[in-house]
Amino acid sequence: MKKLLTTFLAILLFSSCAFADDDFIDMDMNLIDSPSVSNRKAVTQEQFDKAMEQKQNRSKGLIQKFRDFLGRNKPENDPNLKNFKSDIPNEMGMSAKDINSQKPNVILSADIIDSYGQVIPKGHYQISYSNKDDSKTINFMQGLDIYGSVKAIDTKDDWDSNSIIYARIVYPSENVAKIIFSNLDVCVEGYARVAEPI
């Protein structure tokens, strides 16, 4: 048995050494790729389209029909799902980058005066956070317009929220509004004066 194994390994080693020279042969690749040598012909677009049509229209064999029958209830085989295109942006889910740029909505039930003396009228607003030059601000936005900004400080108080990104306004007294904003990176709060007490 040992002799047989030794002989087999010797033959295997010898055959690989004998044919190793073929790997180092210099060949003119232009000669190989030349259509006149390889008897290849250029294919026109019409011929290509005709070949593709024949391939797609080819009838399925018995085995392929059986596989299709077994996989008929799989979601990936549903033609409605294959051709589904949503008109609503982000309906198919958002990336982590998109989640952080989300702006939560709040309802301001009274006019408030922001940190720069501007009056922010009551209404519906999107809340965004900005941190420029170590100045943290909570911005009240409608569309792309900023209606006012409130200076903010870091806080650990998350108001027992179930959301990742949220904004809330509470009125601790009749002339003070407390605004809190939180996303994946920060949790900040700011205070503003109510223009007319509630």
N, C-alpha and C. Protein backbone atom coordinates (compact mmCIF):
# COMPACT_ATOMS: atom_id res chain seq x y z
N MET A 1 0.82 -1.18 0.00
CA MET A 1 0.00 0.00 0.00
C MET A 1 0.88 1.26 0.00
N LYS A 2 1.98 1.19 0.78
CA LYS A 2 2.88 2.35 0.85
C LYS A 2 3.54 2.58 -0.50
N LYS A 3 3.88 1.47 -1.18
CA LYS A 3 4.52 1.61 -2.50
C LYS A 3 3.56 2.24 -3.50
N LEU A 4 2.32 1.83 -3.44
CA LEU A 4 1.32 2.37 -4.36
C LEU A 4 1.12 3.87 -4.13
N LEU A 5 1.02 4.28 -2.87
CA LEU A 5 0.85 5.68 -2.53
C LEU A 5 2.07 6.50 -2.95
N THR A 6 3.26 5.96 -2.71
CA THR A 6 4.49 6.65 -3.08
C THR A 6 4.58 6.80 -4.60
N THR A 7 4.22 5.75 -5.32
CA THR A 7 4.25 5.80 -6.79
C THR A 7 3.25 6.83 -7.30
N PHE A 8 2.08 6.84 -6.74
CA PHE A 8 1.05 7.79 -7.17
C PHE A 8 1.50 9.24 -6.95
N LEU A 9 2.07 9.51 -5.76
CA LEU A 9 2.56 10.86 -5.48
C LEU A 9 3.70 11.25 -6.40
N ALA A 10 4.60 10.30 -6.72
CA ALA A 10 5.72 10.58 -7.62
C ALA A 10 5.21 10.92 -9.02
N ILE A 11 4.22 10.18 -9.51
CA ILE A 11 3.64 10.45 -10.83
C ILE A 11 2.96 11.81 -10.84
N LEU A 12 2.24 12.10 -9.79
CA LEU A 12 1.54 13.37 -9.69
C LEU A 12 2.54 14.53 -9.68
N LEU A 13 3.59 14.42 -8.90
CA LEU A 13 4.62 15.44 -8.82
C LEU A 13 5.34 15.59 -10.15
N PHE A 14 5.70 14.46 -10.78
CA PHE A 14 6.42 14.49 -12.06
C PHE A 14 5.56 15.12 -13.15
N SER A 15 4.28 14.77 -13.20
CA SER A 15 3.42 15.30 -14.27
C SER A 15 3.23 16.81 -14.11
N SER A 16 3.13 17.29 -12.89
CA SER A 16 2.97 18.73 -12.70
C SER A 16 4.25 19.47 -13.06
N CYS A 17 5.43 18.86 -12.79
CA CYS A 17 6.70 19.50 -13.16
C CYS A 17 6.91 19.47 -14.67
N ALA A 18 6.48 18.41 -15.31
CA ALA A 18 6.69 18.27 -16.75
C ALA A 18 5.87 19.28 -17.54
N PHE A 19 4.67 19.58 -17.06
CA PHE A 19 3.80 20.50 -17.79
C PHE A 19 3.90 21.93 -17.28
N ALA A 20 4.75 22.19 -16.31
CA ALA A 20 4.88 23.54 -15.77
C ALA A 20 5.49 24.49 -16.79
N ASP A 21 6.26 23.97 -17.73
CA ASP A 21 6.88 24.83 -18.73
C ASP A 21 5.84 25.52 -19.61
N ASP A 22 4.65 24.92 -19.76
CA ASP A 22 3.62 25.52 -20.60
C ASP A 22 3.15 26.87 -20.07
N ASP A 23 3.28 27.09 -18.76
CA ASP A 23 2.82 28.34 -18.17
C ASP A 23 3.70 29.52 -18.55
N PHE A 24 4.93 29.25 -18.96
CA PHE A 24 5.88 30.33 -19.22
C PHE A 24 6.10 30.59 -20.70
N ILE A 25 5.27 30.05 -21.55
CA ILE A 25 5.43 30.24 -22.99
C ILE A 25 4.97 31.64 -23.34
N ASP A 26 5.80 32.36 -24.11
CA ASP A 26 5.41 33.66 -24.61
C ASP A 26 4.60 33.46 -25.88
N MET A 27 3.39 33.98 -25.86
CA MET A 27 2.54 33.87 -27.04
C MET A 27 2.09 35.26 -27.43
N ASP A 28 1.89 35.45 -28.68
CA ASP A 28 1.39 36.73 -29.17
C ASP A 28 -0.14 36.71 -29.02
N MET A 29 -0.65 37.43 -28.03
CA MET A 29 -2.08 37.43 -27.76
C MET A 29 -2.89 38.09 -28.88
N ASN A 30 -2.26 39.01 -29.60
CA ASN A 30 -2.96 39.63 -30.74
C ASN A 30 -3.28 38.59 -31.80
N LEU A 31 -2.39 37.61 -31.95
CA LEU A 31 -2.63 36.56 -32.93
C LEU A 31 -3.81 35.69 -32.50
N ILE A 32 -3.91 35.44 -31.20
CA ILE A 32 -5.01 34.61 -30.70
C ILE A 32 -6.33 35.35 -30.82
N ASP A 33 -6.33 36.65 -30.50
CA ASP A 33 -7.56 37.42 -30.53
C ASP A 33 -7.97 37.86 -31.93
N SER A 34 -7.15 37.62 -32.90
CA SER A 34 -7.47 38.04 -34.26
C SER A 34 -8.63 37.22 -34.80
N PRO A 35 -9.68 37.86 -35.36
CA PRO A 35 -10.83 37.11 -35.87
C PRO A 35 -10.47 36.18 -37.03
N SER A 36 -9.42 36.54 -37.79
CA SER A 36 -9.06 35.68 -38.93
C SER A 36 -8.47 34.36 -38.48
N VAL A 37 -7.80 34.35 -37.33
CA VAL A 37 -7.21 33.12 -36.81
C VAL A 37 -8.24 32.29 -36.06
N SER A 38 -9.08 32.95 -35.26
CA SER A 38 -10.01 32.21 -34.41
C SER A 38 -11.34 31.91 -35.10
N ASN A 39 -11.52 32.37 -36.33
CA ASN A 39 -12.75 32.14 -37.10
C ASN A 39 -13.99 32.70 -36.40
N ARG A 40 -13.80 33.77 -35.63
CA ARG A 40 -14.95 34.42 -34.99
C ARG A 40 -15.47 35.50 -35.90
N LYS A 41 -16.77 35.71 -35.84
CA LYS A 41 -17.40 36.76 -36.64
C LYS A 41 -18.05 37.76 -35.71
N ALA A 42 -18.07 39.00 -36.15
CA ALA A 42 -18.73 40.04 -35.36
C ALA A 42 -20.23 39.81 -35.41
N VAL A 43 -20.89 40.10 -34.31
CA VAL A 43 -22.33 39.90 -34.20
C VAL A 43 -23.00 41.26 -34.28
N THR A 44 -24.01 41.37 -35.11
CA THR A 44 -24.75 42.62 -35.22
C THR A 44 -25.77 42.72 -34.09
N GLN A 45 -26.29 43.92 -33.89
CA GLN A 45 -27.28 44.13 -32.84
C GLN A 45 -28.55 43.33 -33.13
N GLU A 46 -28.93 43.22 -34.38
CA GLU A 46 -30.13 42.45 -34.75
C GLU A 46 -29.96 40.97 -34.41
N GLN A 47 -28.78 40.43 -34.70
CA GLN A 47 -28.53 39.02 -34.39
C GLN A 47 -28.54 38.79 -32.88
N PHE A 48 -27.97 39.73 -32.14
CA PHE A 48 -27.95 39.62 -30.69
C PHE A 48 -29.37 39.65 -30.14
N ASP A 49 -30.19 40.61 -30.59
CA ASP A 49 -31.57 40.72 -30.13
C ASP A 49 -32.37 39.47 -30.46
N LYS A 50 -32.15 38.92 -31.67
CA LYS A 50 -32.85 37.70 -32.08
C LYS A 50 -32.47 36.52 -31.18
N ALA A 51 -31.18 36.40 -30.85
CA ALA A 51 -30.73 35.31 -29.98
C ALA A 51 -31.31 35.46 -28.57
N MET A 52 -31.36 36.69 -28.08
CA MET A 52 -31.94 36.92 -26.74
C MET A 52 -33.43 36.61 -26.73
N GLU A 53 -34.12 36.97 -27.76
CA GLU A 53 -35.56 36.68 -27.85
C GLU A 53 -35.81 35.18 -27.88
N GLN A 54 -35.00 34.44 -28.62
CA GLN A 54 -35.15 32.99 -28.67
C GLN A 54 -34.90 32.37 -27.29
N LYS A 55 -33.91 32.90 -26.58
CA LYS A 55 -33.59 32.37 -25.26
C LYS A 55 -34.73 32.63 -24.28
N GLN A 56 -35.33 33.83 -24.36
CA GLN A 56 -36.39 34.17 -23.42
C GLN A 56 -37.69 33.43 -23.75
N ASN A 57 -37.93 33.17 -25.02
CA ASN A 57 -39.17 32.52 -25.42
C ASN A 57 -39.07 31.00 -25.40
N ARG A 58 -37.90 30.48 -25.05
CA ARG A 58 -37.73 29.04 -25.02
C ARG A 58 -38.65 28.44 -23.96
N SER A 59 -39.30 27.36 -24.30
CA SER A 59 -40.23 26.74 -23.36
C SER A 59 -39.45 26.09 -22.22
N LYS A 60 -40.06 26.11 -21.05
CA LYS A 60 -39.42 25.54 -19.87
C LYS A 60 -39.55 24.03 -19.91
N GLY A 61 -38.53 23.38 -19.39
CA GLY A 61 -38.56 21.93 -19.31
C GLY A 61 -39.41 21.47 -18.13
N LEU A 62 -39.59 20.18 -18.02
CA LEU A 62 -40.41 19.59 -16.98
C LEU A 62 -39.85 19.88 -15.58
N ILE A 63 -38.53 19.79 -15.44
CA ILE A 63 -37.92 20.03 -14.13
C ILE A 63 -38.09 21.49 -13.72
N GLN A 64 -37.90 22.45 -14.67
CA GLN A 64 -38.06 23.86 -14.35
C GLN A 64 -39.51 24.18 -14.01
N LYS A 65 -40.46 23.56 -14.70
CA LYS A 65 -41.87 23.77 -14.38
C LYS A 65 -42.19 23.26 -12.98
N PHE A 66 -41.59 22.13 -12.59
CA PHE A 66 -41.80 21.57 -11.26
C PHE A 66 -41.21 22.50 -10.19
N ARG A 67 -40.00 23.04 -10.46
CA ARG A 67 -39.39 23.98 -9.51
C ARG A 67 -40.26 25.23 -9.36
N ASP A 68 -40.77 25.74 -10.46
CA ASP A 68 -41.64 26.93 -10.41
C ASP A 68 -42.90 26.63 -9.61
N PHE A 69 -43.44 25.41 -9.75
CA PHE A 69 -44.64 25.03 -9.01
C PHE A 69 -44.36 25.00 -7.51
N LEU A 70 -43.20 24.45 -7.13
CA LEU A 70 -42.86 24.37 -5.70
C LEU A 70 -42.58 25.75 -5.11
N GLY A 71 -42.04 26.67 -5.89
CA GLY A 71 -41.71 27.99 -5.38
C GLY A 71 -42.73 29.06 -5.69
N ARG A 72 -43.96 28.65 -6.02
CA ARG A 72 -44.97 29.62 -6.45
C ARG A 72 -45.40 30.57 -5.34
N ASN A 73 -45.27 30.18 -4.08
CA ASN A 73 -45.72 31.02 -2.98
C ASN A 73 -44.60 31.85 -2.36
N LYS A 74 -43.40 31.77 -2.90
CA LYS A 74 -42.29 32.54 -2.36
C LYS A 74 -42.45 34.00 -2.76
N PRO A 75 -42.16 34.94 -1.85
CA PRO A 75 -42.31 36.36 -2.18
C PRO A 75 -41.46 36.81 -3.35
N GLU A 76 -40.27 36.23 -3.50
CA GLU A 76 -39.40 36.66 -4.60
C GLU A 76 -39.93 36.23 -5.97
N ASN A 77 -40.89 35.29 -5.98
CA ASN A 77 -41.47 34.86 -7.25
C ASN A 77 -42.79 35.57 -7.57
N ASP A 78 -43.23 36.44 -6.69
CA ASP A 78 -44.48 37.17 -6.91
C ASP A 78 -44.26 38.28 -7.94
N PRO A 79 -44.93 38.23 -9.09
CA PRO A 79 -44.70 39.26 -10.12
C PRO A 79 -45.10 40.66 -9.67
N ASN A 80 -46.10 40.76 -8.77
CA ASN A 80 -46.48 42.08 -8.28
C ASN A 80 -45.38 42.72 -7.45
N LEU A 81 -44.68 41.92 -6.65
CA LEU A 81 -43.59 42.46 -5.84
C LEU A 81 -42.36 42.75 -6.69
N LYS A 82 -42.13 41.96 -7.72
CA LYS A 82 -40.96 42.18 -8.57
C LYS A 82 -41.06 43.51 -9.29
N ASN A 83 -42.26 43.89 -9.69
CA ASN A 83 -42.46 45.12 -10.46
C ASN A 83 -42.91 46.29 -9.61
N PHE A 84 -42.86 46.16 -8.29
CA PHE A 84 -43.36 47.21 -7.40
C PHE A 84 -42.41 48.40 -7.40
N LYS A 85 -42.97 49.57 -7.63
CA LYS A 85 -42.21 50.82 -7.55
C LYS A 85 -43.05 51.79 -6.73
N SER A 86 -42.48 52.31 -5.69
CA SER A 86 -43.20 53.20 -4.80
C SER A 86 -43.11 54.65 -5.28
N ASP A 87 -44.21 55.38 -5.14
CA ASP A 87 -44.21 56.81 -5.44
C ASP A 87 -43.85 57.63 -4.22
N ILE A 88 -43.89 57.00 -3.05
CA ILE A 88 -43.62 57.71 -1.80
C ILE A 88 -42.14 57.55 -1.46
N PRO A 89 -41.41 58.67 -1.27
CA PRO A 89 -39.99 58.53 -0.93
C PRO A 89 -39.82 57.90 0.44
N ASN A 90 -38.76 57.14 0.58
CA ASN A 90 -38.38 56.48 1.84
C ASN A 90 -39.39 55.45 2.31
N GLU A 91 -40.32 55.00 1.43
CA GLU A 91 -41.28 54.01 1.87
C GLU A 91 -40.63 52.65 2.07
N MET A 92 -39.56 52.39 1.34
CA MET A 92 -38.90 51.10 1.44
C MET A 92 -37.86 51.08 2.57
N GLY A 93 -37.88 52.07 3.44
CA GLY A 93 -36.96 52.10 4.56
C GLY A 93 -35.91 53.18 4.38
N MET A 94 -35.30 53.56 5.48
CA MET A 94 -34.31 54.62 5.45
C MET A 94 -32.98 54.10 5.97
N SER A 95 -31.94 54.73 5.50
CA SER A 95 -30.62 54.39 6.02
C SER A 95 -30.39 55.17 7.32
N ALA A 96 -29.33 54.82 8.03
CA ALA A 96 -29.03 55.51 9.28
C ALA A 96 -28.72 56.98 9.01
N LYS A 97 -28.15 57.28 7.85
CA LYS A 97 -27.86 58.68 7.50
C LYS A 97 -29.16 59.47 7.36
N ASP A 98 -30.17 58.87 6.74
CA ASP A 98 -31.45 59.55 6.56
C ASP A 98 -32.19 59.72 7.88
N ILE A 99 -32.07 58.77 8.78
CA ILE A 99 -32.78 58.84 10.05
C ILE A 99 -32.32 60.05 10.84
N ASN A 100 -31.02 60.31 10.85
CA ASN A 100 -30.51 61.42 11.64
C ASN A 100 -30.91 62.77 11.08
N SER A 101 -31.27 62.86 9.80
CA SER A 101 -31.68 64.14 9.22
C SER A 101 -33.18 64.36 9.32
N GLN A 102 -33.90 63.45 9.95
CA GLN A 102 -35.34 63.62 10.14
C GLN A 102 -35.64 64.79 11.06
N LYS A 103 -36.72 65.50 10.78
CA LYS A 103 -37.13 66.63 11.61
C LYS A 103 -38.50 66.33 12.19
N PRO A 104 -38.60 66.16 13.50
CA PRO A 104 -39.90 65.88 14.11
C PRO A 104 -40.79 67.13 14.09
N ASN A 105 -42.09 66.90 14.14
CA ASN A 105 -43.07 67.99 14.11
C ASN A 105 -43.58 68.29 15.51
N VAL A 106 -43.86 69.59 15.77
CA VAL A 106 -44.46 70.01 17.04
C VAL A 106 -45.55 71.03 16.74
N ILE A 107 -46.45 71.19 17.69
CA ILE A 107 -47.48 72.22 17.61
C ILE A 107 -47.18 73.24 18.69
N LEU A 108 -46.96 74.47 18.27
CA LEU A 108 -46.70 75.57 19.19
C LEU A 108 -48.05 76.22 19.48
N SER A 109 -48.51 76.09 20.72
CA SER A 109 -49.87 76.56 21.06
C SER A 109 -49.92 78.02 21.50
N ALA A 110 -48.77 78.66 21.60
CA ALA A 110 -48.73 80.09 21.97
C ALA A 110 -47.54 80.73 21.27
N ASP A 111 -47.63 82.04 21.03
CA ASP A 111 -46.49 82.77 20.47
C ASP A 111 -45.37 82.79 21.50
N ILE A 112 -44.14 82.52 21.03
CA ILE A 112 -42.99 82.58 21.95
C ILE A 112 -41.94 83.53 21.39
N ILE A 113 -41.07 84.00 22.27
CA ILE A 113 -39.97 84.86 21.86
C ILE A 113 -38.70 84.02 21.94
N ASP A 114 -37.99 83.92 20.78
CA ASP A 114 -36.81 83.06 20.74
C ASP A 114 -35.62 83.74 21.41
N SER A 115 -34.46 83.11 21.38
CA SER A 115 -33.27 83.59 22.06
C SER A 115 -32.70 84.86 21.43
N TYR A 116 -33.17 85.24 20.25
CA TYR A 116 -32.65 86.42 19.56
C TYR A 116 -33.70 87.53 19.48
N GLY A 117 -34.79 87.42 20.25
CA GLY A 117 -35.79 88.47 20.33
C GLY A 117 -36.89 88.41 19.28
N GLN A 118 -36.86 87.40 18.42
CA GLN A 118 -37.90 87.26 17.39
C GLN A 118 -39.11 86.55 17.96
N VAL A 119 -40.29 86.95 17.50
CA VAL A 119 -41.52 86.28 17.91
C VAL A 119 -41.79 85.13 16.95
N ILE A 120 -41.97 83.94 17.51
CA ILE A 120 -42.34 82.77 16.71
C ILE A 120 -43.84 82.57 16.90
N PRO A 121 -44.63 82.78 15.84
CA PRO A 121 -46.09 82.66 16.00
C PRO A 121 -46.51 81.21 16.23
N LYS A 122 -47.65 81.06 16.90
CA LYS A 122 -48.14 79.71 17.15
C LYS A 122 -48.48 79.03 15.83
N GLY A 123 -48.32 77.71 15.80
CA GLY A 123 -48.57 76.94 14.59
C GLY A 123 -47.83 75.62 14.61
N HIS A 124 -47.76 75.00 13.44
CA HIS A 124 -47.07 73.71 13.27
C HIS A 124 -45.66 73.97 12.77
N TYR A 125 -44.68 73.31 13.38
CA TYR A 125 -43.28 73.51 12.99
C TYR A 125 -42.54 72.19 12.96
N GLN A 126 -41.50 72.16 12.13
CA GLN A 126 -40.52 71.08 12.19
C GLN A 126 -39.38 71.59 13.04
N ILE A 127 -38.83 70.71 13.86
CA ILE A 127 -37.74 71.09 14.75
C ILE A 127 -36.45 70.48 14.23
N SER A 128 -35.42 71.31 14.09
CA SER A 128 -34.10 70.82 13.70
C SER A 128 -33.08 71.31 14.72
N TYR A 129 -31.95 70.66 14.74
CA TYR A 129 -30.88 70.99 15.68
C TYR A 129 -29.65 71.39 14.88
N SER A 130 -28.96 72.43 15.34
CA SER A 130 -27.69 72.80 14.70
C SER A 130 -26.67 73.11 15.78
N ASN A 131 -25.42 72.79 15.48
CA ASN A 131 -24.33 73.04 16.40
C ASN A 131 -23.20 73.68 15.60
N LYS A 132 -23.20 75.00 15.53
CA LYS A 132 -22.16 75.74 14.79
C LYS A 132 -21.38 76.58 15.78
N ASP A 133 -20.06 76.47 15.69
CA ASP A 133 -19.15 77.25 16.55
C ASP A 133 -19.49 77.05 18.03
N ASP A 134 -19.77 75.83 18.42
CA ASP A 134 -20.12 75.47 19.81
C ASP A 134 -21.34 76.22 20.32
N SER A 135 -22.20 76.64 19.40
CA SER A 135 -23.46 77.28 19.77
C SER A 135 -24.59 76.34 19.37
N LYS A 136 -25.17 75.68 20.34
CA LYS A 136 -26.23 74.70 20.08
C LYS A 136 -27.57 75.43 20.01
N THR A 137 -28.32 75.18 18.95
CA THR A 137 -29.62 75.82 18.81
C THR A 137 -30.67 74.82 18.33
N ILE A 138 -31.90 75.05 18.77
CA ILE A 138 -33.07 74.32 18.30
C ILE A 138 -33.82 75.28 17.38
N ASN A 139 -34.02 74.88 16.14
CA ASN A 139 -34.62 75.76 15.13
C ASN A 139 -36.07 75.36 14.86
N PHE A 140 -36.94 76.36 14.74
CA PHE A 140 -38.34 76.15 14.37
C PHE A 140 -38.46 76.44 12.88
N MET A 141 -38.83 75.39 12.10
CA MET A 141 -38.83 75.51 10.64
C MET A 141 -40.19 75.17 10.06
N GLN A 142 -40.46 75.81 8.93
CA GLN A 142 -41.57 75.41 8.06
C GLN A 142 -41.00 75.37 6.67
N GLY A 143 -40.91 74.16 6.11
CA GLY A 143 -40.22 74.00 4.83
C GLY A 143 -38.74 74.26 5.03
N LEU A 144 -38.19 75.18 4.23
CA LEU A 144 -36.77 75.52 4.37
C LEU A 144 -36.57 76.81 5.16
N ASP A 145 -37.66 77.45 5.57
CA ASP A 145 -37.57 78.73 6.29
C ASP A 145 -37.45 78.49 7.78
N ILE A 146 -36.50 79.18 8.41
CA ILE A 146 -36.34 79.12 9.86
C ILE A 146 -37.07 80.32 10.45
N TYR A 147 -38.04 80.06 11.32
CA TYR A 147 -38.85 81.12 11.92
C TYR A 147 -38.27 81.62 13.24
N GLY A 148 -37.39 80.86 13.83
CA GLY A 148 -36.77 81.27 15.07
C GLY A 148 -35.87 80.18 15.62
N SER A 149 -34.98 80.57 16.53
CA SER A 149 -34.03 79.62 17.12
C SER A 149 -33.95 79.84 18.62
N VAL A 150 -33.83 78.77 19.33
CA VAL A 150 -33.70 78.81 20.79
C VAL A 150 -32.37 78.18 21.16
N LYS A 151 -31.58 78.88 21.96
CA LYS A 151 -30.30 78.32 22.41
C LYS A 151 -30.58 77.10 23.27
N ALA A 152 -29.72 76.10 23.13
CA ALA A 152 -29.97 74.82 23.80
C ALA A 152 -28.76 74.39 24.62
N ILE A 153 -29.03 73.53 25.59
CA ILE A 153 -27.98 72.91 26.40
C ILE A 153 -28.22 71.41 26.41
N ASP A 154 -27.16 70.66 26.66
CA ASP A 154 -27.30 69.20 26.74
C ASP A 154 -28.12 68.82 27.96
N THR A 155 -28.87 67.75 27.83
CA THR A 155 -29.67 67.26 28.95
C THR A 155 -29.69 65.74 28.92
N LYS A 156 -29.94 65.15 30.04
CA LYS A 156 -30.10 63.69 30.15
C LYS A 156 -31.56 63.32 30.24
N ASP A 157 -32.41 64.32 30.42
CA ASP A 157 -33.85 64.08 30.58
C ASP A 157 -34.46 63.74 29.23
N ASP A 158 -34.86 62.48 29.04
CA ASP A 158 -35.47 62.10 27.77
C ASP A 158 -36.99 62.03 27.86
N TRP A 159 -37.55 62.47 28.95
CA TRP A 159 -38.99 62.53 29.15
C TRP A 159 -39.65 61.16 28.95
N ASP A 160 -38.92 60.11 29.24
CA ASP A 160 -39.42 58.73 29.10
C ASP A 160 -40.01 58.49 27.70
N SER A 161 -39.31 58.96 26.70
CA SER A 161 -39.80 58.84 25.33
C SER A 161 -39.57 57.44 24.78
N ASN A 162 -40.49 56.99 23.94
CA ASN A 162 -40.34 55.71 23.25
C ASN A 162 -39.72 55.89 21.87
N SER A 163 -39.49 57.13 21.46
CA SER A 163 -38.97 57.42 20.12
C SER A 163 -37.48 57.63 20.14
N ILE A 164 -36.84 57.43 19.00
CA ILE A 164 -35.42 57.72 18.85
C ILE A 164 -35.23 59.20 18.55
N ILE A 165 -36.03 59.73 17.64
CA ILE A 165 -35.96 61.14 17.26
C ILE A 165 -37.29 61.78 17.63
N TYR A 166 -37.23 62.81 18.46
CA TYR A 166 -38.47 63.44 18.89
C TYR A 166 -38.21 64.88 19.31
N ALA A 167 -39.27 65.64 19.37
CA ALA A 167 -39.23 67.01 19.90
C ALA A 167 -40.55 67.24 20.63
N ARG A 168 -40.47 67.96 21.75
CA ARG A 168 -41.68 68.24 22.54
C ARG A 168 -41.59 69.63 23.12
N ILE A 169 -42.75 70.20 23.36
CA ILE A 169 -42.83 71.50 24.02
C ILE A 169 -43.77 71.36 25.21
N VAL A 170 -43.32 71.84 26.37
CA VAL A 170 -44.16 71.89 27.56
C VAL A 170 -44.07 73.30 28.12
N TYR A 171 -45.05 73.65 28.91
CA TYR A 171 -45.11 74.97 29.52
C TYR A 171 -45.04 74.79 31.03
N PRO A 172 -43.83 74.85 31.62
CA PRO A 172 -43.71 74.67 33.07
C PRO A 172 -44.40 75.77 33.87
N SER A 173 -44.49 76.96 33.31
CA SER A 173 -45.25 78.04 33.93
C SER A 173 -45.97 78.80 32.82
N GLU A 174 -46.79 79.77 33.19
CA GLU A 174 -47.62 80.43 32.18
C GLU A 174 -46.83 81.31 31.22
N ASN A 175 -45.58 81.68 31.56
CA ASN A 175 -44.81 82.52 30.65
C ASN A 175 -43.48 81.89 30.21
N VAL A 176 -43.31 80.58 30.37
CA VAL A 176 -42.09 79.88 29.95
C VAL A 176 -42.46 78.64 29.14
N ALA A 177 -41.75 78.47 28.01
CA ALA A 177 -41.90 77.26 27.19
C ALA A 177 -40.57 76.49 27.23
N LYS A 178 -40.66 75.21 27.46
CA LYS A 178 -39.46 74.36 27.47
C LYS A 178 -39.53 73.45 26.25
N ILE A 179 -38.48 73.50 25.42
CA ILE A 179 -38.43 72.71 24.19
C ILE A 179 -37.32 71.67 24.35
N ILE A 180 -37.63 70.42 24.02
CA ILE A 180 -36.62 69.37 24.07
C ILE A 180 -36.55 68.72 22.69
N PHE A 181 -35.33 68.40 22.28
CA PHE A 181 -35.09 67.75 20.99
C PHE A 181 -34.08 66.64 21.21
N SER A 182 -34.33 65.49 20.60
CA SER A 182 -33.39 64.38 20.72
C SER A 182 -33.32 63.62 19.41
N ASN A 183 -32.11 63.19 19.05
CA ASN A 183 -31.92 62.27 17.92
C ASN A 183 -30.87 61.24 18.33
N LEU A 184 -30.29 60.55 17.40
CA LEU A 184 -29.33 59.49 17.74
C LEU A 184 -28.07 60.04 18.42
N ASP A 185 -27.73 61.30 18.12
CA ASP A 185 -26.48 61.86 18.62
C ASP A 185 -26.63 62.70 19.88
N VAL A 186 -27.71 63.48 19.98
CA VAL A 186 -27.82 64.46 21.06
C VAL A 186 -29.18 64.42 21.72
N CYS A 187 -29.22 64.99 22.91
CA CYS A 187 -30.47 65.27 23.61
C CYS A 187 -30.28 66.64 24.24
N VAL A 188 -31.02 67.64 23.72
CA VAL A 188 -30.85 69.02 24.18
C VAL A 188 -32.19 69.61 24.57
N GLU A 189 -32.12 70.66 25.39
CA GLU A 189 -33.33 71.38 25.76
C GLU A 189 -33.04 72.87 25.76
N GLY A 190 -34.09 73.65 25.51
CA GLY A 190 -33.96 75.10 25.50
C GLY A 190 -35.21 75.73 26.09
N TYR A 191 -35.08 76.98 26.50
CA TYR A 191 -36.21 77.70 27.12
C TYR A 191 -36.50 78.96 26.32
N ALA A 192 -37.77 79.30 26.23
CA ALA A 192 -38.19 80.52 25.55
C ALA A 192 -39.29 81.18 26.37
N ARG A 193 -39.40 82.48 26.19
CA ARG A 193 -40.44 83.23 26.90
C ARG A 193 -41.72 83.25 26.07
N VAL A 194 -42.84 83.05 26.71
CA VAL A 194 -44.14 83.11 26.02
C VAL A 194 -44.49 84.58 25.86
N ALA A 195 -44.88 84.97 24.61
CA ALA A 195 -45.16 86.38 24.31
C ALA A 195 -46.36 86.88 25.13
N GLU A 196 -47.42 86.13 25.15
CA GLU A 196 -48.59 86.47 25.95
C GLU A 196 -48.90 85.27 26.82
N PRO A 197 -48.98 85.44 28.12
CA PRO A 197 -49.21 84.29 29.01
C PRO A 197 -50.46 83.50 28.60
N ILE A 198 -50.37 82.22 28.76
CA ILE A 198 -51.46 81.33 28.36
C ILE A 198 -52.61 81.43 29.36
